[in-house]
Amino acid sequence: YSPLKRWGAGAGKQVAIIGMGGLGHVAVQIA
């Protein structure tokens, strides 16, 4: 959550999550 928020993940932004394990599967949901 912290880096996604810091770097402005939101509407209109293209975000790639590299890896979908314990961290990545949460990152996909949050982004």
Full PDB file with SEQRES, HELIX, SHEET, SSBOND, CRYST1, ORIGX, SCALE, CONECT and MASTER records, all heavy atoms in Angstrom:
SEQRES   1 A   31  TYR SER PRO LEU LYS ARG TRP GLY ALA GLY ALA GLY LYS          
SEQRES   2 A   31  GLN VAL ALA ILE ILE GLY MET GLY GLY LEU GLY HIS VAL          
SEQRES   3 A   31  ALA VAL GLN ILE ALA                                          
HELIX    1 AA1 SER A    2  ARG A    6  1                                   5    
HELIX    2 AA2 GLY A   24  ILE A   30  1                                   7    
CRYST1    1.000    1.000    1.000  90.00  90.00  90.00 P 1           1          
ORIGX1      1.000000  0.000000  0.000000        0.00000                         
ORIGX2      0.000000  1.000000  0.000000        0.00000                         
ORIGX3      0.000000  0.000000  1.000000        0.00000                         
SCALE1      1.000000  0.000000  0.000000        0.00000                         
SCALE2      0.000000  1.000000  0.000000        0.00000                         
SCALE3      0.000000  0.000000  1.000000        0.00000                         
ATOM      1  N   TYR A   1       0.826  -1.216   0.000  1.00  0.00           N  
ATOM      2  CA  TYR A   1       0.000   0.000   0.000  1.00  0.00           C  
ATOM      3  C   TYR A   1       0.855   1.258   0.000  1.00  0.00           C  
ATOM      4  O   TYR A   1       0.591   2.212  -0.751  1.00  0.00           O  
ATOM      5  CB  TYR A   1      -0.908  -0.014   1.232  1.00  0.00           C  
ATOM      6  CG  TYR A   1      -1.776   1.218   1.403  1.00  0.00           C  
ATOM      7  CD1 TYR A   1      -3.035   1.295   0.821  1.00  0.00           C  
ATOM      8  CD2 TYR A   1      -1.346   2.305   2.166  1.00  0.00           C  
ATOM      9  CE1 TYR A   1      -3.836   2.418   0.981  1.00  0.00           C  
ATOM     10  CE2 TYR A   1      -2.131   3.427   2.336  1.00  0.00           C  
ATOM     11  CZ  TYR A   1      -3.377   3.490   1.740  1.00  0.00           C  
ATOM     12  OH  TYR A   1      -4.163   4.614   1.901  1.00  0.00           O  
ATOM     13  N   SER A   2       1.891   1.290   0.832  1.00  0.00           N  
ATOM     14  CA  SER A   2       2.678   2.506   1.000  1.00  0.00           C  
ATOM     15  C   SER A   2       3.306   2.992  -0.310  1.00  0.00           C  
ATOM     16  O   SER A   2       3.151   4.163  -0.678  1.00  0.00           O  
ATOM     17  CB  SER A   2       3.747   2.302   2.081  1.00  0.00           C  
ATOM     18  OG  SER A   2       4.484   3.484   2.289  1.00  0.00           O  
ATOM     19  N   PRO A   3       4.033   2.147  -1.060  1.00  0.00           N  
ATOM     20  CA  PRO A   3       4.622   2.656  -2.302  1.00  0.00           C  
ATOM     21  C   PRO A   3       3.586   2.943  -3.377  1.00  0.00           C  
ATOM     22  O   PRO A   3       3.773   3.873  -4.184  1.00  0.00           O  
ATOM     23  CB  PRO A   3       5.574   1.534  -2.730  1.00  0.00           C  
ATOM     24  CG  PRO A   3       5.050   0.309  -2.073  1.00  0.00           C  
ATOM     25  CD  PRO A   3       4.487   0.774  -0.754  1.00  0.00           C  
ATOM     26  N   LEU A   4       2.496   2.177  -3.411  1.00  0.00           N  
ATOM     27  CA  LEU A   4       1.463   2.465  -4.401  1.00  0.00           C  
ATOM     28  C   LEU A   4       0.849   3.840  -4.145  1.00  0.00           C  
ATOM     29  O   LEU A   4       0.620   4.627  -5.083  1.00  0.00           O  
ATOM     30  CB  LEU A   4       0.383   1.385  -4.362  1.00  0.00           C  
ATOM     31  CG  LEU A   4       0.790   0.027  -4.947  1.00  0.00           C  
ATOM     32  CD1 LEU A   4      -0.256  -1.030  -4.609  1.00  0.00           C  
ATOM     33  CD2 LEU A   4       0.984   0.124  -6.461  1.00  0.00           C  
ATOM     34  N   LYS A   5       0.602   4.151  -2.886  1.00  0.00           N  
ATOM     35  CA  LYS A   5       0.075   5.468  -2.541  1.00  0.00           C  
ATOM     36  C   LYS A   5       1.105   6.562  -2.826  1.00  0.00           C  
ATOM     37  O   LYS A   5       0.794   7.597  -3.427  1.00  0.00           O  
ATOM     38  CB  LYS A   5      -0.322   5.497  -1.070  1.00  0.00           C  
ATOM     39  CG  LYS A   5      -0.788   6.859  -0.583  1.00  0.00           C  
ATOM     40  CD  LYS A   5      -0.886   6.896   0.933  1.00  0.00           C  
ATOM     41  CE  LYS A   5      -1.142   8.313   1.418  1.00  0.00           C  
ATOM     42  NZ  LYS A   5      -1.053   8.407   2.906  1.00  0.00           N  
ATOM     43  N   ARG A   6       2.344   6.331  -2.392  1.00  0.00           N  
ATOM     44  CA  ARG A   6       3.386   7.354  -2.540  1.00  0.00           C  
ATOM     45  C   ARG A   6       3.594   7.752  -3.989  1.00  0.00           C  
ATOM     46  O   ARG A   6       3.788   8.934  -4.295  1.00  0.00           O  
ATOM     47  CB  ARG A   6       4.692   6.838  -1.955  1.00  0.00           C  
ATOM     48  CG  ARG A   6       5.857   7.809  -2.113  1.00  0.00           C  
ATOM     49  CD  ARG A   6       7.156   7.233  -1.603  1.00  0.00           C  
ATOM     50  NE  ARG A   6       8.257   8.162  -1.793  1.00  0.00           N  
ATOM     51  CZ  ARG A   6       9.533   7.864  -1.565  1.00  0.00           C  
ATOM     52  NH1 ARG A   6       9.860   6.652  -1.134  1.00  0.00           N  
ATOM     53  NH2 ARG A   6      10.480   8.767  -1.766  1.00  0.00           N  
ATOM     54  N   TRP A   7       3.561   6.777  -4.888  1.00  0.00           N  
ATOM     55  CA  TRP A   7       3.879   7.064  -6.283  1.00  0.00           C  
ATOM     56  C   TRP A   7       2.636   7.271  -7.137  1.00  0.00           C  
ATOM     57  O   TRP A   7       2.719   7.333  -8.364  1.00  0.00           O  
ATOM     58  CB  TRP A   7       4.774   5.965  -6.850  1.00  0.00           C  
ATOM     59  CG  TRP A   7       6.114   5.951  -6.164  1.00  0.00           C  
ATOM     60  CD1 TRP A   7       6.555   5.067  -5.231  1.00  0.00           C  
ATOM     61  CD2 TRP A   7       7.160   6.914  -6.321  1.00  0.00           C  
ATOM     62  NE1 TRP A   7       7.820   5.401  -4.805  1.00  0.00           N  
ATOM     63  CE2 TRP A   7       8.225   6.519  -5.455  1.00  0.00           C  
ATOM     64  CE3 TRP A   7       7.321   8.053  -7.112  1.00  0.00           C  
ATOM     65  CZ2 TRP A   7       9.413   7.242  -5.351  1.00  0.00           C  
ATOM     66  CZ3 TRP A   7       8.511   8.770  -7.020  1.00  0.00           C  
ATOM     67  CH2 TRP A   7       9.533   8.369  -6.154  1.00  0.00           C  
ATOM     68  N   GLY A   8       1.487   7.410  -6.503  1.00  0.00           N  
ATOM     69  CA  GLY A   8       0.306   7.911  -7.198  1.00  0.00           C  
ATOM     70  C   GLY A   8      -0.512   6.910  -7.964  1.00  0.00           C  
ATOM     71  O   GLY A   8      -1.157   7.268  -8.962  1.00  0.00           O  
ATOM     72  N   ALA A   9      -0.536   5.651  -7.522  1.00  0.00           N  
ATOM     73  CA  ALA A   9      -1.414   4.680  -8.182  1.00  0.00           C  
ATOM     74  C   ALA A   9      -2.862   5.148  -8.059  1.00  0.00           C  
ATOM     75  O   ALA A   9      -3.314   5.514  -6.990  1.00  0.00           O  
ATOM     76  CB  ALA A   9      -1.250   3.303  -7.549  1.00  0.00           C  
ATOM     77  N   GLY A  10      -3.562   5.161  -9.172  1.00  0.00           N  
ATOM     78  CA  GLY A  10      -4.948   5.626  -9.156  1.00  0.00           C  
ATOM     79  C   GLY A  10      -5.506   5.667 -10.557  1.00  0.00           C  
ATOM     80  O   GLY A  10      -4.916   5.133 -11.503  1.00  0.00           O  
ATOM     81  N   ALA A  11      -6.633   6.313 -10.694  1.00  0.00           N  
ATOM     82  CA  ALA A  11      -7.311   6.386 -11.986  1.00  0.00           C  
ATOM     83  C   ALA A  11      -6.389   6.972 -13.050  1.00  0.00           C  
ATOM     84  O   ALA A  11      -5.696   7.971 -12.802  1.00  0.00           O  
ATOM     85  CB  ALA A  11      -8.582   7.220 -11.860  1.00  0.00           C  
ATOM     86  N   GLY A  12      -6.356   6.340 -14.206  1.00  0.00           N  
ATOM     87  CA  GLY A  12      -5.540   6.820 -15.314  1.00  0.00           C  
ATOM     88  C   GLY A  12      -4.105   6.347 -15.287  1.00  0.00           C  
ATOM     89  O   GLY A  12      -3.341   6.641 -16.216  1.00  0.00           O  
ATOM     90  N   LYS A  13      -3.706   5.617 -14.243  1.00  0.00           N  
ATOM     91  CA  LYS A  13      -2.321   5.144 -14.138  1.00  0.00           C  
ATOM     92  C   LYS A  13      -2.240   3.666 -14.512  1.00  0.00           C  
ATOM     93  O   LYS A  13      -3.077   2.866 -14.120  1.00  0.00           O  
ATOM     94  CB  LYS A  13      -1.792   5.341 -12.719  1.00  0.00           C  
ATOM     95  CG  LYS A  13      -1.625   6.803 -12.321  1.00  0.00           C  
ATOM     96  CD  LYS A  13      -0.586   7.496 -13.197  1.00  0.00           C  
ATOM     97  CE  LYS A  13      -0.382   8.950 -12.814  1.00  0.00           C  
ATOM     98  NZ  LYS A  13       0.317   9.092 -11.532  1.00  0.00           N  
ATOM     99  N   GLN A  14      -1.197   3.356 -15.273  1.00  0.00           N  
ATOM    100  CA  GLN A  14      -0.893   1.975 -15.640  1.00  0.00           C  
ATOM    101  C   GLN A  14       0.103   1.425 -14.618  1.00  0.00           C  
ATOM    102  O   GLN A  14       1.212   1.936 -14.486  1.00  0.00           O  
ATOM    103  CB  GLN A  14      -0.291   1.916 -17.047  1.00  0.00           C  
ATOM    104  CG  GLN A  14      -1.249   2.329 -18.164  1.00  0.00           C  
ATOM    105  CD  GLN A  14      -2.266   1.258 -18.466  1.00  0.00           C  
ATOM    106  OE1 GLN A  14      -2.033   0.070 -18.220  1.00  0.00           O  
ATOM    107  NE2 GLN A  14      -3.409   1.656 -19.002  1.00  0.00           N  
ATOM    108  N   VAL A  15      -0.310   0.394 -13.881  1.00  0.00           N  
ATOM    109  CA  VAL A  15       0.508  -0.165 -12.809  1.00  0.00           C  
ATOM    110  C   VAL A  15       0.780  -1.638 -13.095  1.00  0.00           C  
ATOM    111  O   VAL A  15      -0.147  -2.410 -13.384  1.00  0.00           O  
ATOM    112  CB  VAL A  15      -0.204  -0.026 -11.446  1.00  0.00           C  
ATOM    113  CG1 VAL A  15       0.586  -0.737 -10.350  1.00  0.00           C  
ATOM    114  CG2 VAL A  15      -0.395   1.444 -11.093  1.00  0.00           C  
ATOM    115  N   ALA A  16       2.040  -2.026 -13.001  1.00  0.00           N  
ATOM    116  CA  ALA A  16       2.421  -3.436 -13.140  1.00  0.00           C  
ATOM    117  C   ALA A  16       2.859  -3.973 -11.793  1.00  0.00           C  
ATOM    118  O   ALA A  16       3.672  -3.345 -11.100  1.00  0.00           O  
ATOM    119  CB  ALA A  16       3.547  -3.585 -14.157  1.00  0.00           C  
ATOM    120  N   ILE A  17       2.335  -5.113 -11.416  1.00  0.00           N  
ATOM    121  CA  ILE A  17       2.776  -5.824 -10.216  1.00  0.00           C  
ATOM    122  C   ILE A  17       3.609  -7.012 -10.686  1.00  0.00           C  
ATOM    123  O   ILE A  17       3.113  -7.892 -11.397  1.00  0.00           O  
ATOM    124  CB  ILE A  17       1.591  -6.321  -9.375  1.00  0.00           C  
ATOM    125  CG1 ILE A  17       0.625  -5.162  -9.055  1.00  0.00           C  
ATOM    126  CG2 ILE A  17       2.089  -6.992  -8.106  1.00  0.00           C  
ATOM    127  CD1 ILE A  17       1.247  -4.012  -8.287  1.00  0.00           C  
ATOM    128  N   ILE A  18       4.884  -7.035 -10.305  1.00  0.00           N  
ATOM    129  CA  ILE A  18       5.786  -8.106 -10.706  1.00  0.00           C  
ATOM    130  C   ILE A  18       5.788  -9.165  -9.607  1.00  0.00           C  
ATOM    131  O   ILE A  18       6.200  -8.900  -8.478  1.00  0.00           O  
ATOM    132  CB  ILE A  18       7.204  -7.567 -10.947  1.00  0.00           C  
ATOM    133  CG1 ILE A  18       7.181  -6.450 -11.986  1.00  0.00           C  
ATOM    134  CG2 ILE A  18       8.139  -8.690 -11.401  1.00  0.00           C  
ATOM    135  CD1 ILE A  18       8.509  -5.722 -12.135  1.00  0.00           C  
ATOM    136  N   GLY A  19       5.299 -10.345  -9.959  1.00  0.00           N  
ATOM    137  CA  GLY A  19       5.183 -11.427  -8.985  1.00  0.00           C  
ATOM    138  C   GLY A  19       3.827 -11.395  -8.311  1.00  0.00           C  
ATOM    139  O   GLY A  19       3.342 -10.325  -7.925  1.00  0.00           O  
ATOM    140  N   MET A  20       3.217 -12.562  -8.131  1.00  0.00           N  
ATOM    141  CA  MET A  20       1.906 -12.598  -7.482  1.00  0.00           C  
ATOM    142  C   MET A  20       1.881 -13.664  -6.396  1.00  0.00           C  
ATOM    143  O   MET A  20       1.088 -14.601  -6.412  1.00  0.00           O  
ATOM    144  CB  MET A  20       0.783 -12.820  -8.494  1.00  0.00           C  
ATOM    145  CG  MET A  20      -0.519 -12.181  -8.016  1.00  0.00           C  
ATOM    146  SD  MET A  20      -1.896 -12.383  -9.147  1.00  0.00           S  
ATOM    147  CE  MET A  20      -2.248 -14.113  -8.917  1.00  0.00           C  
ATOM    148  N   GLY A  21       2.780 -13.487  -5.437  1.00  0.00           N  
ATOM    149  CA  GLY A  21       2.815 -14.354  -4.273  1.00  0.00           C  
ATOM    150  C   GLY A  21       2.143 -13.689  -3.097  1.00  0.00           C  
ATOM    151  O   GLY A  21       1.138 -12.981  -3.234  1.00  0.00           O  
ATOM    152  N   GLY A  22       2.741 -13.863  -1.907  1.00  0.00           N  
ATOM    153  CA  GLY A  22       2.160 -13.315  -0.695  1.00  0.00           C  
ATOM    154  C   GLY A  22       2.014 -11.811  -0.718  1.00  0.00           C  
ATOM    155  O   GLY A  22       1.023 -11.254  -0.219  1.00  0.00           O  
ATOM    156  N   LEU A  23       2.997 -11.108  -1.287  1.00  0.00           N  
ATOM    157  CA  LEU A  23       2.916  -9.659  -1.426  1.00  0.00           C  
ATOM    158  C   LEU A  23       2.121  -9.263  -2.664  1.00  0.00           C  
ATOM    159  O   LEU A  23       1.245  -8.400  -2.616  1.00  0.00           O  
ATOM    160  CB  LEU A  23       4.324  -9.060  -1.525  1.00  0.00           C  
ATOM    161  CG  LEU A  23       5.209  -9.086  -0.288  1.00  0.00           C  
ATOM    162  CD1 LEU A  23       6.613  -8.585  -0.640  1.00  0.00           C  
ATOM    163  CD2 LEU A  23       4.627  -8.243   0.823  1.00  0.00           C  
ATOM    164  N   GLY A  24       2.446  -9.890  -3.783  1.00  0.00           N  
ATOM    165  CA  GLY A  24       1.879  -9.471  -5.052  1.00  0.00           C  
ATOM    166  C   GLY A  24       0.372  -9.604  -5.130  1.00  0.00           C  
ATOM    167  O   GLY A  24      -0.310  -8.740  -5.692  1.00  0.00           O  
ATOM    168  N   HIS A  25      -0.199 -10.663  -4.546  1.00  0.00           N  
ATOM    169  CA  HIS A  25      -1.647 -10.831  -4.663  1.00  0.00           C  
ATOM    170  C   HIS A  25      -2.396  -9.765  -3.873  1.00  0.00           C  
ATOM    171  O   HIS A  25      -3.510  -9.384  -4.238  1.00  0.00           O  
ATOM    172  CB  HIS A  25      -2.065 -12.248  -4.235  1.00  0.00           C  
ATOM    173  CG  HIS A  25      -2.397 -12.411  -2.797  1.00  0.00           C  
ATOM    174  ND1 HIS A  25      -1.431 -12.472  -1.812  1.00  0.00           N  
ATOM    175  CD2 HIS A  25      -3.599 -12.531  -2.153  1.00  0.00           C  
ATOM    176  CE1 HIS A  25      -2.026 -12.627  -0.642  1.00  0.00           C  
ATOM    177  NE2 HIS A  25      -3.333 -12.664  -0.807  1.00  0.00           N  
ATOM    178  N   VAL A  26      -1.773  -9.256  -2.799  1.00  0.00           N  
ATOM    179  CA  VAL A  26      -2.371  -8.138  -2.062  1.00  0.00           C  
ATOM    180  C   VAL A  26      -2.192  -6.844  -2.850  1.00  0.00           C  
ATOM    181  O   VAL A  26      -3.101  -6.016  -2.933  1.00  0.00           O  
ATOM    182  CB  VAL A  26      -1.735  -8.019  -0.659  1.00  0.00           C  
ATOM    183  CG1 VAL A  26      -2.263  -6.776   0.063  1.00  0.00           C  
ATOM    184  CG2 VAL A  26      -2.023  -9.258   0.167  1.00  0.00           C  
ATOM    185  N   ALA A  27      -1.025  -6.679  -3.462  1.00  0.00           N  
ATOM    186  CA  ALA A  27      -0.759  -5.467  -4.249  1.00  0.00           C  
ATOM    187  C   ALA A  27      -1.742  -5.322  -5.403  1.00  0.00           C  
ATOM    188  O   ALA A  27      -2.208  -4.212  -5.695  1.00  0.00           O  
ATOM    189  CB  ALA A  27       0.672  -5.505  -4.782  1.00  0.00           C  
ATOM    190  N   VAL A  28      -2.062  -6.416  -6.072  1.00  0.00           N  
ATOM    191  CA  VAL A  28      -3.025  -6.357  -7.172  1.00  0.00           C  
ATOM    192  C   VAL A  28      -4.375  -5.853  -6.667  1.00  0.00           C  
ATOM    193  O   VAL A  28      -5.005  -4.975  -7.274  1.00  0.00           O  
ATOM    194  CB  VAL A  28      -3.181  -7.744  -7.832  1.00  0.00           C  
ATOM    195  CG1 VAL A  28      -4.318  -7.720  -8.854  1.00  0.00           C  
ATOM    196  CG2 VAL A  28      -1.884  -8.161  -8.511  1.00  0.00           C  
ATOM    197  N   GLN A  29      -4.824  -6.377  -5.534  1.00  0.00           N  
ATOM    198  CA  GLN A  29      -6.114  -5.957  -4.981  1.00  0.00           C  
ATOM    199  C   GLN A  29      -6.109  -4.475  -4.617  1.00  0.00           C  
ATOM    200  O   GLN A  29      -7.058  -3.737  -4.908  1.00  0.00           O  
ATOM    201  CB  GLN A  29      -6.437  -6.784  -3.740  1.00  0.00           C  
ATOM    202  CG  GLN A  29      -6.661  -8.262  -3.992  1.00  0.00           C  
ATOM    203  CD  GLN A  29      -6.938  -8.985  -2.686  1.00  0.00           C  
ATOM    204  OE1 GLN A  29      -7.986  -8.790  -2.061  1.00  0.00           O  
ATOM    205  NE2 GLN A  29      -6.011  -9.816  -2.251  1.00  0.00           N  
ATOM    206  N   ILE A  30      -5.031  -4.032  -3.952  1.00  0.00           N  
ATOM    207  CA  ILE A  30      -4.971  -2.649  -3.491  1.00  0.00           C  
ATOM    208  C   ILE A  30      -4.877  -1.685  -4.669  1.00  0.00           C  
ATOM    209  O   ILE A  30      -5.601  -0.677  -4.718  1.00  0.00           O  
ATOM    210  CB  ILE A  30      -3.788  -2.460  -2.523  1.00  0.00           C  
ATOM    211  CG1 ILE A  30      -4.084  -3.187  -1.203  1.00  0.00           C  
ATOM    212  CG2 ILE A  30      -3.515  -0.978  -2.275  1.00  0.00           C  
ATOM    213  CD1 ILE A  30      -2.929  -3.177  -0.218  1.00  0.00           C  
ATOM    214  N   ALA A  31      -4.004  -1.967  -5.632  1.00  0.00           N  
ATOM    215  CA  ALA A  31      -3.845  -1.069  -6.781  1.00  0.00           C  
ATOM    216  C   ALA A  31      -5.143  -0.973  -7.574  1.00  0.00           C  
ATOM    217  O   ALA A  31      -5.525   0.104  -8.047  1.00  0.00           O  
ATOM    218  CB  ALA A  31      -2.705  -1.551  -7.671  1.00  0.00           C  
TER     219      ALA A  31                                                      
MASTER        0    0    0    2    0    0    0    6  218    1    0    3          
END                                                                             
